[in-house]
Amino acid sequence: MSNNIYAIIFENVVKNVIICDDYTLANALARASFGDNAFAVESSRYAVGIGDLYENGIFYRILEDGSKIPVEYIPTERELFEELNHKVVEIQNLLTDIYELKLSMDYIFVLLKNTAAEIGNKLSVTPDMKSISTVYADLIERSIKTDETYKTIEDVPASIRDSVKNILIDRNINV
C-alpha cells in the first residue's frame, strides 16, 4: 500500500489535505465530511493547502490582493533527471556549435593571413611595401586574435601606427 496525499474539494475550495491509501477511500472520506458534492483530488505533486482553489483541474493559491496564481507543480525525481539530462544535451550541442565556430574562425584566420601574405608578396617590389604589408598582416592577425576592430586609423594601436609611419618616413614618403 502506498500513501498518497489528497486534497478534499468542496465548492472549488480545498477544505482539507489528507494522507490516504487509495483514491476510493479518500473520495468516500470527502463525501462523508462535506456531502455528495465533495470529492478528493490526488495532490502529492502540489503544495496545496486549506483555502486554495481547484478549478478546471488546476490548483490555485489566493494572494493577499485577491488575485490567484497556479500552485507550483513539484516534479518527481525522474522528471527532474529527464529535464537536467535534456539541458545537458542542449549544452553539449551548444559547445559543439561553439567548437565548430572556432574551427571556422581559425580557418578564416588562416585564409586572411595567407591573403595578407599574398598581398605582401605582390607589394614586395620595394622593401618599403613589404615592411608595410608585414605590419598590416600583423595588425590583421592581432585584430582577429584579440577581437579588436579598428574603424579609423586613430583606433589602431600607436605602436603599429608609428611602425608604419617610420617606414614611410625612412623612405621619404609623405605621411
Foldseek 3Di string as FASTA:
>chain_A
DDWFWKFKDDPQFRAAIDIDDDQVVQQVVSCVVPHPRIGIDGARQFPDDGGWGADPNFTWDQDPVRDIDTTDGHDDPVVVVVVVVVVVVVVVVVVVVVVVVVVVLVVVLVVLLVVLVVVLVVQVPDVLSNQLSVLVSVVSNCCSVVVNDDPDPVSRDPVSVVSNVVSCVVVVHDD
